[in-house]
Amino acid sequence: MPQNNPRRGYTLFAGLLFWIALSYLTAWIGAQVSPGIAPGEWYESIAKPSWNPPGWLFGPVWTALYTMMGVAVWLVWKDYGFSGAKKAITLFLIQLILNGLWSQIFFGMQEIGWAFLEILILLFAIAITTILFFEKNKLAGWLMVPYLLWVSFASVLNGTLWWLN
């Protein structure tokens, strides 16, 4: 198909919307049990370190991260399709599931220790996904780096919360 084919442009745009929407769906699922949306004062009542970020910071950070994740996977999909990047895209989907699962374990079930174990698995999955994305598309790899760094920080925070509580 020629590059200037309007259908290809629509397909690429629809693909971009799909991958970003899928990332935001994970965010929405997690938000259903997160402070500010879910009822209850559990998170506010637990002991936190002095370096715990303020609550208002999480929304903007996660919005940016989910957007970058969606664009990253779209770049890989755009360049290789699912069949040409099956391993990278499958691992992306697995880490996306793990991402949503963490909120359910931490906030929904209020299991800080199990959430810590889960976030370490998530962190590993993000690291491998990032490496695979770098192999396919450098920009896609770089778009995953802030997410990797944030979840690294979140892992330390989660471990600290487990220790304190």
N, C-alpha and C. Protein backbone atom coordinates (compact mmCIF):
# COMPACT_ATOMS: atom_id res chain seq x y z
N MET A 1 0.84 -1.18 0.00
CA MET A 1 0.00 0.00 0.00
C MET A 1 0.88 1.24 0.00
N PRO A 2 0.64 2.21 -0.83
CA PRO A 2 1.45 3.43 -0.84
C PRO A 2 1.33 4.19 0.48
N GLN A 3 2.39 4.89 0.84
CA GLN A 3 2.43 5.63 2.10
C GLN A 3 1.39 6.74 2.14
N ASN A 4 1.04 7.32 0.99
CA ASN A 4 0.10 8.44 1.00
C ASN A 4 -1.36 7.99 0.90
N ASN A 5 -1.62 6.73 1.06
CA ASN A 5 -2.97 6.19 1.02
C ASN A 5 -3.74 6.69 2.24
N PRO A 6 -4.88 7.39 2.04
CA PRO A 6 -5.65 7.91 3.18
C PRO A 6 -6.13 6.81 4.12
N ARG A 7 -6.42 5.63 3.57
CA ARG A 7 -6.86 4.52 4.43
C ARG A 7 -5.78 4.14 5.44
N ARG A 8 -4.54 4.14 4.99
CA ARG A 8 -3.44 3.83 5.91
C ARG A 8 -3.38 4.86 7.03
N GLY A 9 -3.58 6.12 6.69
CA GLY A 9 -3.59 7.17 7.70
C GLY A 9 -4.69 6.97 8.72
N TYR A 10 -5.88 6.60 8.26
CA TYR A 10 -6.99 6.34 9.17
C TYR A 10 -6.70 5.14 10.05
N THR A 11 -6.11 4.11 9.46
CA THR A 11 -5.78 2.91 10.23
C THR A 11 -4.74 3.23 11.30
N LEU A 12 -3.73 4.00 10.94
CA LEU A 12 -2.71 4.37 11.92
C LEU A 12 -3.30 5.21 13.04
N PHE A 13 -4.16 6.16 12.68
CA PHE A 13 -4.79 7.02 13.69
C PHE A 13 -5.70 6.18 14.60
N ALA A 14 -6.47 5.28 14.00
CA ALA A 14 -7.34 4.40 14.80
C ALA A 14 -6.50 3.52 15.71
N GLY A 15 -5.36 3.05 15.22
CA GLY A 15 -4.47 2.25 16.04
C GLY A 15 -3.92 3.05 17.21
N LEU A 16 -3.53 4.29 16.96
CA LEU A 16 -3.05 5.16 18.04
C LEU A 16 -4.12 5.34 19.10
N LEU A 17 -5.34 5.65 18.65
CA LEU A 17 -6.44 5.81 19.61
C LEU A 17 -6.69 4.53 20.40
N PHE A 18 -6.64 3.39 19.72
CA PHE A 18 -6.86 2.11 20.39
C PHE A 18 -5.83 1.87 21.50
N TRP A 19 -4.54 2.04 21.19
CA TRP A 19 -3.50 1.74 22.17
C TRP A 19 -3.53 2.72 23.34
N ILE A 20 -3.81 3.99 23.07
CA ILE A 20 -3.92 4.95 24.17
C ILE A 20 -5.16 4.64 25.01
N ALA A 21 -6.28 4.33 24.35
CA ALA A 21 -7.51 3.99 25.07
C ALA A 21 -7.31 2.74 25.93
N LEU A 22 -6.62 1.76 25.41
CA LEU A 22 -6.36 0.54 26.18
C LEU A 22 -5.53 0.87 27.43
N SER A 23 -4.55 1.74 27.27
CA SER A 23 -3.75 2.16 28.42
C SER A 23 -4.61 2.91 29.43
N TYR A 24 -5.46 3.82 28.94
CA TYR A 24 -6.34 4.56 29.84
C TYR A 24 -7.38 3.66 30.50
N LEU A 25 -7.79 2.60 29.82
CA LEU A 25 -8.72 1.64 30.44
C LEU A 25 -8.08 1.04 31.68
N THR A 26 -6.81 0.71 31.59
CA THR A 26 -6.09 0.20 32.76
C THR A 26 -6.09 1.24 33.86
N ALA A 27 -5.85 2.49 33.51
CA ALA A 27 -5.87 3.57 34.49
C ALA A 27 -7.24 3.68 35.14
N TRP A 28 -8.29 3.61 34.34
CA TRP A 28 -9.65 3.74 34.86
C TRP A 28 -9.97 2.59 35.82
N ILE A 29 -9.58 1.38 35.46
CA ILE A 29 -9.83 0.23 36.33
C ILE A 29 -9.12 0.42 37.67
N GLY A 30 -7.87 0.86 37.60
CA GLY A 30 -7.12 1.10 38.84
C GLY A 30 -7.71 2.23 39.66
N ALA A 31 -8.22 3.25 38.99
CA ALA A 31 -8.78 4.40 39.69
C ALA A 31 -10.04 4.06 40.48
N GLN A 32 -10.70 2.98 40.11
CA GLN A 32 -11.94 2.62 40.80
C GLN A 32 -11.69 2.22 42.25
N VAL A 33 -10.47 1.87 42.59
CA VAL A 33 -10.16 1.49 43.97
C VAL A 33 -9.13 2.42 44.60
N SER A 34 -8.75 3.48 43.90
CA SER A 34 -7.72 4.40 44.39
C SER A 34 -8.33 5.51 45.23
N PRO A 35 -7.51 6.13 46.11
CA PRO A 35 -8.02 7.24 46.93
C PRO A 35 -8.60 8.34 46.06
N GLY A 36 -9.63 8.95 46.55
CA GLY A 36 -10.27 10.04 45.81
C GLY A 36 -11.46 9.57 44.99
N ILE A 37 -11.48 8.31 44.62
CA ILE A 37 -12.61 7.77 43.88
C ILE A 37 -13.31 6.69 44.71
N ALA A 38 -12.52 5.77 45.21
CA ALA A 38 -13.09 4.69 46.00
C ALA A 38 -13.42 5.20 47.41
N PRO A 39 -14.49 4.70 48.01
CA PRO A 39 -14.83 5.13 49.36
C PRO A 39 -13.81 4.57 50.37
N GLY A 40 -13.74 5.21 51.49
CA GLY A 40 -12.87 4.72 52.55
C GLY A 40 -11.66 5.60 52.77
N GLU A 41 -11.13 5.50 53.96
CA GLU A 41 -10.01 6.34 54.36
C GLU A 41 -8.76 5.53 54.65
N TRP A 42 -8.74 4.28 54.18
CA TRP A 42 -7.63 3.39 54.52
C TRP A 42 -6.28 3.99 54.16
N TYR A 43 -6.09 4.42 52.94
CA TYR A 43 -4.78 4.92 52.52
C TYR A 43 -4.38 6.15 53.33
N GLU A 44 -5.32 7.01 53.63
CA GLU A 44 -5.01 8.20 54.41
C GLU A 44 -4.59 7.84 55.82
N SER A 45 -5.05 6.71 56.33
CA SER A 45 -4.79 6.34 57.71
C SER A 45 -3.47 5.59 57.92
N ILE A 46 -2.86 5.08 56.85
CA ILE A 46 -1.62 4.31 57.05
C ILE A 46 -0.42 5.23 57.19
N ALA A 47 0.62 4.73 57.85
CA ALA A 47 1.85 5.49 58.03
C ALA A 47 2.57 5.60 56.69
N LYS A 48 3.08 6.82 56.41
CA LYS A 48 3.79 7.07 55.15
C LYS A 48 5.12 7.75 55.45
N PRO A 49 6.10 7.55 54.58
CA PRO A 49 7.37 8.25 54.77
C PRO A 49 7.22 9.74 54.46
N SER A 50 8.17 10.53 54.95
CA SER A 50 8.10 11.98 54.71
C SER A 50 8.20 12.32 53.23
N TRP A 51 8.78 11.45 52.42
CA TRP A 51 8.97 11.70 51.01
C TRP A 51 7.83 11.15 50.14
N ASN A 52 6.76 10.73 50.78
CA ASN A 52 5.57 10.27 50.03
C ASN A 52 5.03 11.44 49.21
N PRO A 53 4.86 11.26 47.89
CA PRO A 53 4.37 12.38 47.07
C PRO A 53 2.95 12.80 47.48
N PRO A 54 2.63 14.06 47.28
CA PRO A 54 1.25 14.51 47.58
C PRO A 54 0.26 13.85 46.62
N GLY A 55 -0.93 13.64 47.10
CA GLY A 55 -1.96 12.95 46.32
C GLY A 55 -2.25 13.59 44.98
N TRP A 56 -2.20 14.91 44.90
CA TRP A 56 -2.53 15.61 43.65
C TRP A 56 -1.55 15.30 42.53
N LEU A 57 -0.35 14.81 42.86
CA LEU A 57 0.67 14.55 41.85
C LEU A 57 0.38 13.29 41.02
N PHE A 58 -0.29 12.32 41.60
CA PHE A 58 -0.47 11.03 40.94
C PHE A 58 -1.30 11.12 39.66
N GLY A 59 -2.36 11.88 39.65
CA GLY A 59 -3.21 12.01 38.46
C GLY A 59 -2.46 12.51 37.24
N PRO A 60 -1.79 13.68 37.35
CA PRO A 60 -1.06 14.18 36.18
C PRO A 60 0.09 13.26 35.75
N VAL A 61 0.81 12.69 36.71
CA VAL A 61 1.93 11.81 36.36
C VAL A 61 1.42 10.58 35.62
N TRP A 62 0.39 9.93 36.17
CA TRP A 62 -0.12 8.72 35.52
C TRP A 62 -0.77 9.02 34.17
N THR A 63 -1.41 10.17 34.04
CA THR A 63 -1.98 10.54 32.74
C THR A 63 -0.87 10.64 31.69
N ALA A 64 0.21 11.30 32.04
CA ALA A 64 1.34 11.41 31.10
C ALA A 64 1.94 10.04 30.81
N LEU A 65 2.11 9.22 31.84
CA LEU A 65 2.72 7.90 31.65
C LEU A 65 1.86 6.99 30.79
N TYR A 66 0.56 6.95 31.05
CA TYR A 66 -0.32 6.10 30.23
C TYR A 66 -0.36 6.58 28.78
N THR A 67 -0.30 7.88 28.58
CA THR A 67 -0.25 8.41 27.21
C THR A 67 1.04 7.97 26.52
N MET A 68 2.17 8.12 27.21
CA MET A 68 3.45 7.71 26.62
C MET A 68 3.49 6.21 26.36
N MET A 69 2.92 5.42 27.26
CA MET A 69 2.88 3.97 27.06
C MET A 69 2.07 3.63 25.81
N GLY A 70 0.92 4.27 25.67
CA GLY A 70 0.07 4.03 24.50
C GLY A 70 0.77 4.40 23.20
N VAL A 71 1.46 5.53 23.20
CA VAL A 71 2.19 5.95 22.00
C VAL A 71 3.34 4.99 21.73
N ALA A 72 4.03 4.54 22.78
CA ALA A 72 5.16 3.63 22.61
C ALA A 72 4.73 2.32 21.95
N VAL A 73 3.68 1.71 22.47
CA VAL A 73 3.23 0.44 21.89
C VAL A 73 2.70 0.67 20.47
N TRP A 74 2.06 1.81 20.25
CA TRP A 74 1.58 2.13 18.91
C TRP A 74 2.74 2.22 17.91
N LEU A 75 3.84 2.85 18.32
CA LEU A 75 5.00 2.96 17.42
C LEU A 75 5.52 1.58 17.03
N VAL A 76 5.58 0.68 18.00
CA VAL A 76 6.05 -0.68 17.71
C VAL A 76 5.05 -1.39 16.80
N TRP A 77 3.76 -1.27 17.12
CA TRP A 77 2.71 -1.90 16.32
C TRP A 77 2.71 -1.33 14.90
N LYS A 78 2.85 0.00 14.79
CA LYS A 78 2.85 0.68 13.49
C LYS A 78 4.00 0.18 12.61
N ASP A 79 5.15 0.01 13.20
CA ASP A 79 6.34 -0.40 12.44
C ASP A 79 6.36 -1.89 12.10
N TYR A 80 5.82 -2.72 12.98
CA TYR A 80 5.98 -4.18 12.83
C TYR A 80 4.69 -4.97 12.80
N GLY A 81 3.58 -4.35 13.22
CA GLY A 81 2.34 -5.10 13.35
C GLY A 81 2.45 -6.06 14.53
N PHE A 82 1.35 -6.71 14.84
CA PHE A 82 1.39 -7.64 15.98
C PHE A 82 2.28 -8.83 15.67
N SER A 83 2.18 -9.35 14.47
CA SER A 83 2.96 -10.56 14.14
C SER A 83 4.46 -10.29 14.11
N GLY A 84 4.87 -9.10 13.74
CA GLY A 84 6.28 -8.78 13.68
C GLY A 84 6.88 -8.36 15.00
N ALA A 85 6.02 -8.08 15.98
CA ALA A 85 6.49 -7.66 17.31
C ALA A 85 5.69 -8.39 18.39
N LYS A 86 5.36 -9.63 18.12
CA LYS A 86 4.48 -10.39 19.01
C LYS A 86 5.00 -10.44 20.45
N LYS A 87 6.29 -10.72 20.61
CA LYS A 87 6.87 -10.83 21.94
C LYS A 87 6.78 -9.48 22.69
N ALA A 88 7.16 -8.40 22.02
CA ALA A 88 7.16 -7.07 22.65
C ALA A 88 5.74 -6.63 23.00
N ILE A 89 4.81 -6.80 22.09
CA ILE A 89 3.43 -6.36 22.33
C ILE A 89 2.75 -7.25 23.36
N THR A 90 3.01 -8.54 23.33
CA THR A 90 2.43 -9.45 24.33
C THR A 90 2.94 -9.08 25.73
N LEU A 91 4.22 -8.82 25.84
CA LEU A 91 4.76 -8.44 27.15
C LEU A 91 4.21 -7.08 27.58
N PHE A 92 4.01 -6.19 26.63
CA PHE A 92 3.37 -4.91 26.97
C PHE A 92 1.99 -5.16 27.57
N LEU A 93 1.21 -6.03 26.94
CA LEU A 93 -0.13 -6.33 27.44
C LEU A 93 -0.08 -6.99 28.82
N ILE A 94 0.89 -7.86 29.02
CA ILE A 94 1.04 -8.51 30.34
C ILE A 94 1.36 -7.47 31.40
N GLN A 95 2.30 -6.57 31.10
CA GLN A 95 2.64 -5.56 32.11
C GLN A 95 1.47 -4.61 32.34
N LEU A 96 0.65 -4.38 31.33
CA LEU A 96 -0.54 -3.54 31.50
C LEU A 96 -1.52 -4.20 32.46
N ILE A 97 -1.71 -5.50 32.32
CA ILE A 97 -2.56 -6.25 33.26
C ILE A 97 -1.99 -6.18 34.67
N LEU A 98 -0.68 -6.39 34.78
CA LEU A 98 -0.03 -6.31 36.10
C LEU A 98 -0.18 -4.92 36.70
N ASN A 99 -0.12 -3.89 35.87
CA ASN A 99 -0.28 -2.52 36.31
C ASN A 99 -1.66 -2.34 36.96
N GLY A 100 -2.70 -2.79 36.26
CA GLY A 100 -4.05 -2.67 36.81
C GLY A 100 -4.26 -3.54 38.04
N LEU A 101 -3.62 -4.69 38.05
CA LEU A 101 -3.75 -5.61 39.19
C LEU A 101 -3.15 -5.02 40.46
N TRP A 102 -2.07 -4.26 40.32
CA TRP A 102 -1.43 -3.68 41.50
C TRP A 102 -2.43 -2.82 42.29
N SER A 103 -3.17 -1.97 41.61
CA SER A 103 -4.14 -1.11 42.30
C SER A 103 -5.19 -1.94 43.04
N GLN A 104 -5.61 -3.04 42.42
CA GLN A 104 -6.61 -3.90 43.05
C GLN A 104 -6.05 -4.52 44.33
N ILE A 105 -4.79 -4.95 44.28
CA ILE A 105 -4.18 -5.58 45.45
C ILE A 105 -3.89 -4.55 46.53
N PHE A 106 -3.28 -3.43 46.15
CA PHE A 106 -2.87 -2.43 47.13
C PHE A 106 -4.06 -1.69 47.73
N PHE A 107 -4.85 -1.06 46.87
CA PHE A 107 -5.96 -0.25 47.37
C PHE A 107 -7.22 -1.06 47.61
N GLY A 108 -7.58 -1.93 46.68
CA GLY A 108 -8.81 -2.69 46.81
C GLY A 108 -8.77 -3.71 47.93
N MET A 109 -7.71 -4.52 47.97
CA MET A 109 -7.59 -5.57 48.99
C MET A 109 -6.81 -5.08 50.21
N GLN A 110 -6.15 -3.94 50.09
CA GLN A 110 -5.35 -3.35 51.16
C GLN A 110 -4.27 -4.31 51.66
N GLU A 111 -3.66 -4.99 50.70
CA GLU A 111 -2.59 -5.96 50.98
C GLU A 111 -1.26 -5.37 50.52
N ILE A 112 -0.61 -4.60 51.39
CA ILE A 112 0.60 -3.88 51.02
C ILE A 112 1.74 -4.85 50.67
N GLY A 113 1.89 -5.91 51.43
CA GLY A 113 2.96 -6.87 51.18
C GLY A 113 2.79 -7.59 49.85
N TRP A 114 1.59 -8.07 49.58
CA TRP A 114 1.34 -8.74 48.30
C TRP A 114 1.48 -7.76 47.14
N ALA A 115 1.07 -6.52 47.37
CA ALA A 115 1.22 -5.50 46.33
C ALA A 115 2.71 -5.25 46.05
N PHE A 116 3.53 -5.30 47.11
CA PHE A 116 4.96 -5.11 46.92
C PHE A 116 5.55 -6.23 46.06
N LEU A 117 5.17 -7.45 46.33
CA LEU A 117 5.63 -8.57 45.51
C LEU A 117 5.17 -8.39 44.06
N GLU A 118 3.92 -8.02 43.90
CA GLU A 118 3.36 -7.84 42.55
C GLU A 118 4.05 -6.70 41.80
N ILE A 119 4.36 -5.60 42.49
CA ILE A 119 4.98 -4.47 41.80
C ILE A 119 6.41 -4.81 41.37
N LEU A 120 7.08 -5.69 42.11
CA LEU A 120 8.41 -6.12 41.69
C LEU A 120 8.32 -6.94 40.39
N ILE A 121 7.29 -7.77 40.29
CA ILE A 121 7.06 -8.53 39.05
C ILE A 121 6.71 -7.56 37.92
N LEU A 122 5.86 -6.58 38.22
CA LEU A 122 5.51 -5.54 37.24
C LEU A 122 6.75 -4.80 36.78
N LEU A 123 7.60 -4.42 37.70
CA LEU A 123 8.82 -3.69 37.36
C LEU A 123 9.70 -4.51 36.40
N PHE A 124 9.83 -5.79 36.67
CA PHE A 124 10.60 -6.67 35.80
C PHE A 124 9.97 -6.71 34.40
N ALA A 125 8.65 -6.84 34.36
CA ALA A 125 7.94 -6.89 33.06
C ALA A 125 8.11 -5.58 32.30
N ILE A 126 8.07 -4.46 32.99
CA ILE A 126 8.27 -3.16 32.34
C ILE A 126 9.70 -3.06 31.79
N ALA A 127 10.67 -3.50 32.57
CA ALA A 127 12.06 -3.44 32.13
C ALA A 127 12.27 -4.27 30.86
N ILE A 128 11.74 -5.47 30.82
CA ILE A 128 11.89 -6.32 29.64
C ILE A 128 11.14 -5.71 28.45
N THR A 129 9.93 -5.20 28.71
CA THR A 129 9.16 -4.55 27.64
C THR A 129 9.95 -3.37 27.07
N THR A 130 10.53 -2.57 27.93
CA THR A 130 11.31 -1.41 27.50
C THR A 130 12.49 -1.84 26.63
N ILE A 131 13.19 -2.87 27.03
CA ILE A 131 14.31 -3.39 26.23
C ILE A 131 13.82 -3.85 24.86
N LEU A 132 12.72 -4.60 24.85
CA LEU A 132 12.18 -5.08 23.58
C LEU A 132 11.71 -3.93 22.70
N PHE A 133 11.14 -2.90 23.31
CA PHE A 133 10.72 -1.73 22.55
C PHE A 133 11.93 -1.00 21.96
N PHE A 134 13.00 -0.87 22.73
CA PHE A 134 14.22 -0.25 22.21
C PHE A 134 14.73 -1.00 20.99
N GLU A 135 14.63 -2.32 21.01
CA GLU A 135 15.08 -3.13 19.88
C GLU A 135 14.24 -2.88 18.63
N LYS A 136 12.98 -2.53 18.81
CA LYS A 136 12.07 -2.33 17.67
C LYS A 136 12.04 -0.87 17.21
N ASN A 137 12.04 0.06 18.17
CA ASN A 137 11.87 1.47 17.85
C ASN A 137 12.46 2.27 19.01
N LYS A 138 13.52 3.01 18.75
CA LYS A 138 14.22 3.74 19.82
C LYS A 138 13.29 4.71 20.57
N LEU A 139 12.46 5.43 19.83
CA LEU A 139 11.54 6.37 20.48
C LEU A 139 10.58 5.63 21.40
N ALA A 140 10.08 4.50 20.96
CA ALA A 140 9.18 3.69 21.80
C ALA A 140 9.88 3.29 23.09
N GLY A 141 11.14 2.90 22.99
CA GLY A 141 11.91 2.55 24.18
C GLY A 141 12.05 3.73 25.12
N TRP A 142 12.39 4.89 24.56
CA TRP A 142 12.55 6.08 25.40
C TRP A 142 11.24 6.51 26.04
N LEU A 143 10.14 6.31 25.34
CA LEU A 143 8.83 6.67 25.91
C LEU A 143 8.48 5.80 27.11
N MET A 144 9.07 4.62 27.21
CA MET A 144 8.82 3.73 28.35
C MET A 144 9.71 4.04 29.55
N VAL A 145 10.81 4.76 29.34
CA VAL A 145 11.76 5.01 30.43
C VAL A 145 11.14 5.78 31.60
N PRO A 146 10.37 6.86 31.39
CA PRO A 146 9.77 7.53 32.55
C PRO A 146 8.85 6.60 33.35
N TYR A 147 8.13 5.74 32.68
CA TYR A 147 7.27 4.75 33.34
C TYR A 147 8.12 3.80 34.17
N LEU A 148 9.20 3.32 33.61
CA LEU A 148 10.11 2.43 34.33
C LEU A 148 10.66 3.12 35.58
N LEU A 149 11.05 4.38 35.43
CA LEU A 149 11.58 5.13 36.57
C LEU A 149 10.51 5.38 37.64
N TRP A 150 9.30 5.74 37.22
CA TRP A 150 8.23 6.00 38.17
C TRP A 150 7.86 4.72 38.93
N VAL A 151 7.76 3.61 38.24
CA VAL A 151 7.41 2.35 38.91
C VAL A 151 8.57 1.88 39.79
N SER A 152 9.80 2.21 39.43
CA SER A 152 10.93 1.93 40.32
C SER A 152 10.76 2.70 41.64
N PHE A 153 10.44 3.99 41.51
CA PHE A 153 10.17 4.80 42.70
C PHE A 153 8.97 4.25 43.47
N ALA A 154 7.91 3.90 42.75
CA ALA A 154 6.71 3.37 43.40
C ALA A 154 7.01 2.06 44.12
N SER A 155 7.92 1.27 43.59
CA SER A 155 8.31 0.02 44.24
C SER A 155 8.99 0.29 45.58
N VAL A 156 9.88 1.26 45.58
CA VAL A 156 10.55 1.64 46.84
C VAL A 156 9.52 2.18 47.83
N LEU A 157 8.61 3.00 47.33
CA LEU A 157 7.55 3.54 48.19
C LEU A 157 6.68 2.42 48.73
N ASN A 158 6.26 1.50 47.89
CA ASN A 158 5.43 0.37 48.30
C ASN A 158 6.16 -0.45 49.37
N GLY A 159 7.44 -0.74 49.15
CA GLY A 159 8.21 -1.49 50.14
C GLY A 159 8.31 -0.75 51.46
N THR A 160 8.50 0.56 51.38
CA THR A 160 8.56 1.37 52.59
C THR A 160 7.23 1.37 53.34
N LEU A 161 6.15 1.49 52.60
CA LEU A 161 4.82 1.46 53.23
C LEU A 161 4.58 0.12 53.91
N TRP A 162 5.02 -0.95 53.28
CA TRP A 162 4.88 -2.28 53.89
C TRP A 162 5.69 -2.34 55.19
N TRP A 163 6.90 -1.81 55.15
CA TRP A 163 7.75 -1.81 56.33
C TRP A 163 7.13 -0.99 57.47
N LEU A 164 6.59 0.16 57.13
CA LEU A 164 6.02 1.06 58.15
C LEU A 164 4.69 0.57 58.72
N ASN A 165 3.99 -0.27 57.96
CA ASN A 165 2.66 -0.68 58.39
C ASN A 165 2.59 -2.17 58.67
